[in-house]
C-alpha atoms as a PDB file:
ATOM      1  CA  MET A   1     333.926 165.250  20.078  1.00  0.00           C
ATOM      2  CA  ALA A   2     334.260 168.874  21.240  1.00  0.00           C
ATOM      3  CA  ASN A   3     337.697 168.201  22.724  1.00  0.00           C
ATOM      4  CA  ALA A   4     338.812 166.417  19.571  1.00  0.00           C
ATOM      5  CA  GLU A   5     337.594 169.289  17.416  1.00  0.00           C
ATOM      6  CA  SER A   6     339.347 171.824  19.631  1.00  0.00           C
ATOM      7  CA  SER A   7     342.549 169.811  19.526  1.00  0.00           C
ATOM      8  CA  PHE A   8     342.384 169.562  15.727  1.00  0.00           C
ATOM      9  CA  LYS A   9     341.817 173.309  15.409  1.00  0.00           C
ATOM     10  CA  SER A  10     344.721 174.173  17.685  1.00  0.00           C
ATOM     11  CA  SER A  11     347.074 171.858  15.814  1.00  0.00           C
ATOM     12  CA  ARG A  12     345.827 172.897  12.373  1.00  0.00           C
ATOM     13  CA  TRP A  13     345.627 176.672  12.864  1.00  0.00           C
ATOM     14  CA  SER A  14     347.327 179.146  15.149  1.00  0.00           C
ATOM     15  CA  LEU A  15     347.248 182.923  15.387  1.00  0.00           C
ATOM     16  CA  LYS A  16     349.448 183.035  18.480  1.00  0.00           C
ATOM     17  CA  GLY A  17     351.428 186.247  18.499  1.00  0.00           C
ATOM     18  CA  MET A  18     349.041 187.978  16.099  1.00  0.00           C
ATOM     19  CA  THR A  19     346.991 191.088  16.875  1.00  0.00           C
ATOM     20  CA  ALA A  20     343.547 191.888  15.494  1.00  0.00           C
ATOM     21  CA  LEU A  21     340.968 194.666  15.434  1.00  0.00           C
ATOM     22  CA  VAL A  22     337.343 193.688  14.828  1.00  0.00           C
ATOM     23  CA  THR A  23     334.826 196.519  14.508  1.00  0.00           C
ATOM     24  CA  GLY A  24     331.347 195.933  15.917  1.00  0.00           C
ATOM     25  CA  GLY A  25     332.442 192.839  17.787  1.00  0.00           C
ATOM     26  CA  THR A  26     329.696 192.484  20.403  1.00  0.00           C
ATOM     27  CA  ARG A  27     326.947 191.025  18.201  1.00  0.00           C
ATOM     28  CA  GLY A  28     326.352 188.592  15.371  1.00  0.00           C
ATOM     29  CA  ILE A  29     329.139 187.986  12.872  1.00  0.00           C
ATOM     30  CA  GLY A  30     331.444 190.405  14.670  1.00  0.00           C
ATOM     31  CA  GLN A  31     331.100 188.605  17.985  1.00  0.00           C
ATOM     32  CA  ALA A  32     331.676 185.223  16.356  1.00  0.00           C
ATOM     33  CA  THR A  33     334.761 186.616  14.611  1.00  0.00           C
ATOM     34  CA  VAL A  34     336.219 187.955  17.855  1.00  0.00           C
ATOM     35  CA  GLU A  35     335.757 184.572  19.525  1.00  0.00           C
ATOM     36  CA  GLU A  36     337.231 182.653  16.600  1.00  0.00           C
ATOM     37  CA  LEU A  37     340.327 184.838  16.389  1.00  0.00           C
ATOM     38  CA  ALA A  38     340.841 184.833  20.162  1.00  0.00           C
ATOM     39  CA  GLY A  39     340.271 181.073  20.266  1.00  0.00           C
ATOM     40  CA  LEU A  40     343.060 180.640  17.745  1.00  0.00           C
ATOM     41  CA  GLY A  41     345.437 182.601  19.964  1.00  0.00           C
ATOM     42  CA  ALA A  42     345.242 186.163  18.630  1.00  0.00           C
ATOM     43  CA  VAL A  43     345.132 189.182  20.923  1.00  0.00           C
ATOM     44  CA  VAL A  44     341.967 191.008  19.877  1.00  0.00           C
ATOM     45  CA  HIS A  45     340.649 194.535  20.271  1.00  0.00           C
ATOM     46  CA  THR A  46     337.057 195.343  19.386  1.00  0.00           C
ATOM     47  CA  CYS A  47     334.643 198.242  19.589  1.00  0.00           C
ATOM     48  CA  SER A  48     330.965 198.952  20.093  1.00  0.00           C
ATOM     49  CA  ARG A  49     328.727 202.001  20.463  1.00  0.00           C
ATOM     50  CA  ASN A  50     327.083 200.349  23.486  1.00  0.00           C
ATOM     51  CA  GLU A  51     329.310 200.457  26.588  1.00  0.00           C
ATOM     52  CA  VAL A  52     327.085 198.145  28.642  1.00  0.00           C
ATOM     53  CA  GLU A  53     327.020 195.548  25.877  1.00  0.00           C
ATOM     54  CA  LEU A  54     330.774 195.843  25.375  1.00  0.00           C
ATOM     55  CA  ASN A  55     331.562 195.348  29.058  1.00  0.00           C
ATOM     56  CA  LYS A  56     329.256 192.325  29.211  1.00  0.00           C
ATOM     57  CA  CYS A  57     331.051 190.696  26.290  1.00  0.00           C
ATOM     58  CA  LEU A  58     334.487 191.511  27.703  1.00  0.00           C
ATOM     59  CA  LYS A  59     333.591 189.734  30.951  1.00  0.00           C
ATOM     60  CA  GLU A  60     332.328 186.696  29.069  1.00  0.00           C
ATOM     61  CA  TRP A  61     335.464 186.533  26.935  1.00  0.00           C
ATOM     62  CA  GLN A  62     337.666 186.866  29.988  1.00  0.00           C
ATOM     63  CA  SER A  63     335.861 183.917  31.604  1.00  0.00           C
ATOM     64  CA  LYS A  64     336.639 181.858  28.483  1.00  0.00           C
ATOM     65  CA  GLY A  65     340.322 182.719  28.698  1.00  0.00           C
ATOM     66  CA  PHE A  66     340.305 184.950  25.613  1.00  0.00           C
ATOM     67  CA  VAL A  67     342.621 187.970  25.466  1.00  0.00           C
ATOM     68  CA  VAL A  68     340.221 190.663  24.263  1.00  0.00           C
ATOM     69  CA  THR A  69     340.078 194.383  24.994  1.00  0.00           C
ATOM     70  CA  GLY A  70     337.561 196.950  23.803  1.00  0.00           C
ATOM     71  CA  SER A  71     336.710 200.577  23.161  1.00  0.00           C
ATOM     72  CA  VAL A  72     333.439 202.455  23.041  1.00  0.00           C
ATOM     73  CA  CYS A  73     333.348 203.799  19.495  1.00  0.00           C
ATOM     74  CA  ASP A  74     330.787 204.768  16.891  1.00  0.00           C
ATOM     75  CA  ALA A  75     332.481 203.736  13.647  1.00  0.00           C
ATOM     76  CA  ALA A  76     330.294 206.216  11.751  1.00  0.00           C
ATOM     77  CA  SER A  77     332.147 209.092  13.436  1.00  0.00           C
ATOM     78  CA  PRO A  78     335.469 210.202  11.841  1.00  0.00           C
ATOM     79  CA  ASP A  79     336.778 211.566  15.143  1.00  0.00           C
ATOM     80  CA  GLN A  80     335.945 208.365  17.002  1.00  0.00           C
ATOM     81  CA  ARG A  81     337.544 206.268  14.250  1.00  0.00           C
ATOM     82  CA  GLU A  82     340.760 208.243  14.616  1.00  0.00           C
ATOM     83  CA  LYS A  83     340.686 207.861  18.391  1.00  0.00           C
ATOM     84  CA  LEU A  84     340.098 204.101  18.024  1.00  0.00           C
ATOM     85  CA  ILE A  85     343.128 203.600  15.791  1.00  0.00           C
ATOM     86  CA  GLN A  86     345.265 205.718  18.111  1.00  0.00           C
ATOM     87  CA  GLU A  87     344.264 203.411  20.963  1.00  0.00           C
ATOM     88  CA  VAL A  88     344.974 200.307  18.891  1.00  0.00           C
ATOM     89  CA  GLY A  89     348.364 201.643  17.812  1.00  0.00           C
ATOM     90  CA  SER A  90     349.287 202.392  21.415  1.00  0.00           C
ATOM     91  CA  LYS A  91     348.034 199.042  22.689  1.00  0.00           C
ATOM     92  CA  PHE A  92     349.834 196.997  20.027  1.00  0.00           C
ATOM     93  CA  ASN A  93     353.060 199.024  19.880  1.00  0.00           C
ATOM     94  CA  GLY A  94     352.437 200.580  16.495  1.00  0.00           C
ATOM     95  CA  LYS A  95     351.654 197.316  14.716  1.00  0.00           C
ATOM     96  CA  LEU A  96     348.529 195.381  13.735  1.00  0.00           C
ATOM     97  CA  ASN A  97     348.193 192.093  11.861  1.00  0.00           C
ATOM     98  CA  ILE A  98     344.470 191.844  11.180  1.00  0.00           C
ATOM     99  CA  LEU A  99     341.667 194.331  10.561  1.00  0.00           C
ATOM    100  CA  VAL A 100     338.124 192.971  10.241  1.00  0.00           C
ATOM    101  CA  ASN A 101     335.772 195.657   8.936  1.00  0.00           C
ATOM    102  CA  ASN A 102     332.506 194.288  10.269  1.00  0.00           C
ATOM    103  CA  VAL A 103     330.370 197.299  11.249  1.00  0.00           C
ATOM    104  CA  GLY A 104     327.257 197.754   9.138  1.00  0.00           C
ATOM    105  CA  THR A 105     323.639 198.841   9.186  1.00  0.00           C
ATOM    106  CA  ASN A 106     320.610 198.886   6.929  1.00  0.00           C
ATOM    107  CA  ILE A 107     317.203 200.455   6.367  1.00  0.00           C
ATOM    108  CA  ARG A 108     315.011 198.391   4.044  1.00  0.00           C
ATOM    109  CA  LYS A 109     312.830 200.522   1.781  1.00  0.00           C
ATOM    110  CA  PRO A 110     311.906 200.905  -1.863  1.00  0.00           C
ATOM    111  CA  THR A 111     314.491 203.083  -3.609  1.00  0.00           C
ATOM    112  CA  ILE A 112     312.209 206.097  -4.081  1.00  0.00           C
ATOM    113  CA  GLU A 113     311.371 206.265  -0.356  1.00  0.00           C
ATOM    114  CA  TYR A 114     314.860 206.861   1.062  1.00  0.00           C
ATOM    115  CA  SER A 115     315.510 210.273   2.556  1.00  0.00           C
ATOM    116  CA  ALA A 116     318.847 212.060   2.195  1.00  0.00           C
ATOM    117  CA  GLU A 117     319.521 211.386   5.885  1.00  0.00           C
ATOM    118  CA  GLU A 118     318.887 207.658   5.518  1.00  0.00           C
ATOM    119  CA  TYR A 119     321.101 207.496   2.440  1.00  0.00           C
ATOM    120  CA  SER A 120     323.894 209.259   4.321  1.00  0.00           C
ATOM    121  CA  LYS A 121     323.561 207.015   7.376  1.00  0.00           C
ATOM    122  CA  ILE A 122     323.897 203.780   5.399  1.00  0.00           C
ATOM    123  CA  MET A 123     326.719 205.036   3.178  1.00  0.00           C
ATOM    124  CA  THR A 124     328.648 206.494   6.115  1.00  0.00           C
ATOM    125  CA  THR A 125     328.306 203.459   8.357  1.00  0.00           C
ATOM    126  CA  ASN A 126     328.831 200.741   5.762  1.00  0.00           C
ATOM    127  CA  PHE A 127     331.361 202.178   3.338  1.00  0.00           C
ATOM    128  CA  GLU A 128     332.893 205.475   4.426  1.00  0.00           C
ATOM    129  CA  SER A 129     333.831 204.059   7.832  1.00  0.00           C
ATOM    130  CA  THR A 130     335.605 201.031   6.367  1.00  0.00           C
ATOM    131  CA  TYR A 131     337.424 203.134   3.762  1.00  0.00           C
ATOM    132  CA  HIS A 132     338.660 205.582   6.394  1.00  0.00           C
ATOM    133  CA  LEU A 133     339.660 202.826   8.815  1.00  0.00           C
ATOM    134  CA  CYS A 134     341.773 201.217   6.103  1.00  0.00           C
ATOM    135  CA  GLN A 135     343.540 204.542   5.552  1.00  0.00           C
ATOM    136  CA  LEU A 136     344.127 205.014   9.273  1.00  0.00           C
ATOM    137  CA  VAL A 137     345.293 201.474   9.971  1.00  0.00           C
ATOM    138  CA  TYR A 138     347.547 201.100   6.912  1.00  0.00           C
ATOM    139  CA  PRO A 139     350.756 202.185   8.726  1.00  0.00           C
ATOM    140  CA  LEU A 140     350.095 199.652  11.501  1.00  0.00           C
ATOM    141  CA  LEU A 141     349.443 196.802   9.071  1.00  0.00           C
ATOM    142  CA  LYS A 142     352.541 197.654   7.042  1.00  0.00           C
ATOM    143  CA  ALA A 143     354.682 197.865  10.184  1.00  0.00           C
ATOM    144  CA  SER A 144     353.589 194.374  11.244  1.00  0.00           C
ATOM    145  CA  GLY A 145     355.139 192.845   8.120  1.00  0.00           C
ATOM    146  CA  VAL A 146     352.200 190.441   7.845  1.00  0.00           C
ATOM    147  CA  GLY A 147     348.939 192.336   7.417  1.00  0.00           C
ATOM    148  CA  SER A 148     345.434 191.209   6.552  1.00  0.00           C
ATOM    149  CA  ILE A 149     342.202 193.117   5.935  1.00  0.00           C
ATOM    150  CA  VAL A 150     338.881 191.291   5.869  1.00  0.00           C
ATOM    151  CA  PHE A 151     335.726 193.106   4.788  1.00  0.00           C
ATOM    152  CA  ILE A 152     332.391 191.667   5.908  1.00  0.00           C
ATOM    153  CA  SER A 153     330.419 192.326   2.749  1.00  0.00           C
ATOM    154  CA  SER A 154     327.165 190.656   1.642  1.00  0.00           C
ATOM    155  CA  VAL A 155     325.657 188.679  -1.161  1.00  0.00           C
ATOM    156  CA  GLY A 156     323.587 191.858  -1.523  1.00  0.00           C
ATOM    157  CA  GLY A 157     326.640 193.467  -3.103  1.00  0.00           C
ATOM    158  CA  LEU A 158     326.666 190.814  -5.813  1.00  0.00           C
ATOM    159  CA  SER A 159     322.990 190.387  -6.646  1.00  0.00           C
ATOM    160  CA  HIS A 160     319.533 191.634  -5.687  1.00  0.00           C
ATOM    161  CA  VAL A 161     318.297 190.023  -2.466  1.00  0.00           C
ATOM    162  CA  GLY A 162     315.708 192.511  -1.268  1.00  0.00           C
ATOM    163  CA  SER A 163     317.976 194.347   1.176  1.00  0.00           C
ATOM    164  CA  GLY A 164     317.615 197.731  -0.478  1.00  0.00           C
ATOM    165  CA  SER A 165     319.513 199.486  -3.239  1.00  0.00           C
ATOM    166  CA  ILE A 166     321.693 201.647  -0.965  1.00  0.00           C
ATOM    167  CA  TYR A 167     322.822 198.719   1.176  1.00  0.00           C
ATOM    168  CA  GLY A 168     323.634 196.739  -1.966  1.00  0.00           C
ATOM    169  CA  ALA A 169     325.593 199.664  -3.388  1.00  0.00           C
ATOM    170  CA  THR A 170     327.712 199.995  -0.237  1.00  0.00           C
ATOM    171  CA  LYS A 171     328.579 196.307  -0.300  1.00  0.00           C
ATOM    172  CA  ALA A 172     329.383 196.388  -4.021  1.00  0.00           C
ATOM    173  CA  ALA A 173     331.685 199.348  -3.376  1.00  0.00           C
ATOM    174  CA  MET A 174     333.296 197.393  -0.553  1.00  0.00           C
ATOM    175  CA  ASN A 175     333.953 194.473  -2.900  1.00  0.00           C
ATOM    176  CA  GLN A 176     335.659 196.752  -5.419  1.00  0.00           C
ATOM    177  CA  LEU A 177     337.707 198.421  -2.684  1.00  0.00           C
ATOM    178  CA  THR A 178     338.857 194.931  -1.715  1.00  0.00           C
ATOM    179  CA  ARG A 179     340.111 194.296  -5.247  1.00  0.00           C
ATOM    180  CA  ASN A 180     341.898 197.639  -5.441  1.00  0.00           C
ATOM    181  CA  LEU A 181     343.634 197.345  -2.067  1.00  0.00           C
ATOM    182  CA  ALA A 182     344.602 193.724  -2.739  1.00  0.00           C
ATOM    183  CA  CYS A 183     346.630 194.965  -5.711  1.00  0.00           C
ATOM    184  CA  GLU A 184     347.798 198.320  -4.331  1.00  0.00           C
ATOM    185  CA  TRP A 185     348.964 197.071  -0.931  1.00  0.00           C
ATOM    186  CA  ALA A 186     350.270 193.641  -1.911  1.00  0.00           C
ATOM    187  CA  LYS A 187     353.777 195.117  -2.123  1.00  0.00           C
ATOM    188  CA  ASP A 188     353.487 195.906   1.598  1.00  0.00           C
ATOM    189  CA  ASN A 189     352.564 192.286   2.388  1.00  0.00           C
ATOM    190  CA  ILE A 190     348.978 193.224   3.223  1.00  0.00           C
ATOM    191  CA  ARG A 191     346.372 190.727   2.042  1.00  0.00           C
ATOM    192  CA  THR A 192     342.839 191.995   1.425  1.00  0.00           C
ATOM    193  CA  ASN A 193     339.755 189.789   1.207  1.00  0.00           C
ATOM    194  CA  SER A 194     335.999 190.228   1.251  1.00  0.00           C
ATOM    195  CA  VAL A 195     333.495 187.775   2.722  1.00  0.00           C
ATOM    196  CA  ALA A 196     329.955 187.948   1.316  1.00  0.00           C
ATOM    197  CA  PRO A 197     327.525 186.067   3.595  1.00  0.00           C
ATOM    198  CA  TRP A 198     323.933 185.200   2.712  1.00  0.00           C
ATOM    199  CA  TYR A 199     321.216 185.968   5.291  1.00  0.00           C
ATOM    200  CA  THR A 200     322.706 185.241   8.708  1.00  0.00           C
ATOM    201  CA  LYS A 201     320.743 185.101  11.949  1.00  0.00           C
ATOM    202  CA  THR A 202     321.946 188.287  13.636  1.00  0.00           C
ATOM    203  CA  SER A 203     320.142 191.110  15.430  1.00  0.00           C
ATOM    204  CA  LEU A 204     320.243 193.144  12.220  1.00  0.00           C
ATOM    205  CA  VAL A 205     318.257 190.669  10.117  1.00  0.00           C
ATOM    206  CA  GLU A 206     316.581 188.297  12.585  1.00  0.00           C
ATOM    207  CA  ARG A 207     313.230 190.097  12.440  1.00  0.00           C
ATOM    208  CA  VAL A 208     313.337 190.127   8.661  1.00  0.00           C
ATOM    209  CA  MET A 209     314.064 186.397   8.514  1.00  0.00           C
ATOM    210  CA  PHE A 210     311.069 185.528  10.651  1.00  0.00           C
ATOM    211  CA  SER A 211     308.591 188.192   9.557  1.00  0.00           C
ATOM    212  CA  ASN A 212     309.181 187.824   5.851  1.00  0.00           C
ATOM    213  CA  LEU A 213     310.608 184.405   5.050  1.00  0.00           C
ATOM    214  CA  SER A 214     310.006 184.987   1.335  1.00  0.00           C
ATOM    215  CA  LEU A 215     313.125 187.189   1.277  1.00  0.00           C
ATOM    216  CA  ILE A 216     315.293 184.140   1.899  1.00  0.00           C
ATOM    217  CA  PHE A 217     314.111 182.462  -1.243  1.00  0.00           C
ATOM    218  CA  LEU A 218     314.415 185.399  -3.694  1.00  0.00           C
END
């Protein structure tokens, strides 16, 4: 069955010849996205703040035959974002087909308990980083002739799910940015889409899922 499924996928879809950047690609949804894109034939670059974790994943992907490279980068840092895109531009000869804005974080608290520092951390990591990366990567996507941006948003940006008001606001802003860029950059043949998952078993939410199952049924 596995071989049949793999054969169907390879005949149905192909990203051979395409290049992709996936932020935060060593865990959860990001890791699964890297493996899916690479499995479909794309050459993928990813980043992580954790060098040990990144190197471990790169070795695993190499053993699977995936063409994946990586950079140590904190997407919350403007300077590191700029350095990342410079590396990607150099690696892919000034062109990029796919950007997956996956990096995100959260601190779950009642609205009145957030500090200014916590507010800034969530906004910077979840929204400011993706906005800036889109600005930086725009020339590469346009140069490719076939560009695609995918934002990993959340159902929390569409309705209340107990993930906190700041997190929800960042994801709602991401959804609106998707709409704006889809119209503004369509003329450059850059597609823009947002994916809004429900609770997914990742390191970010695993403890919440098991320690407070009532959240799932809100």
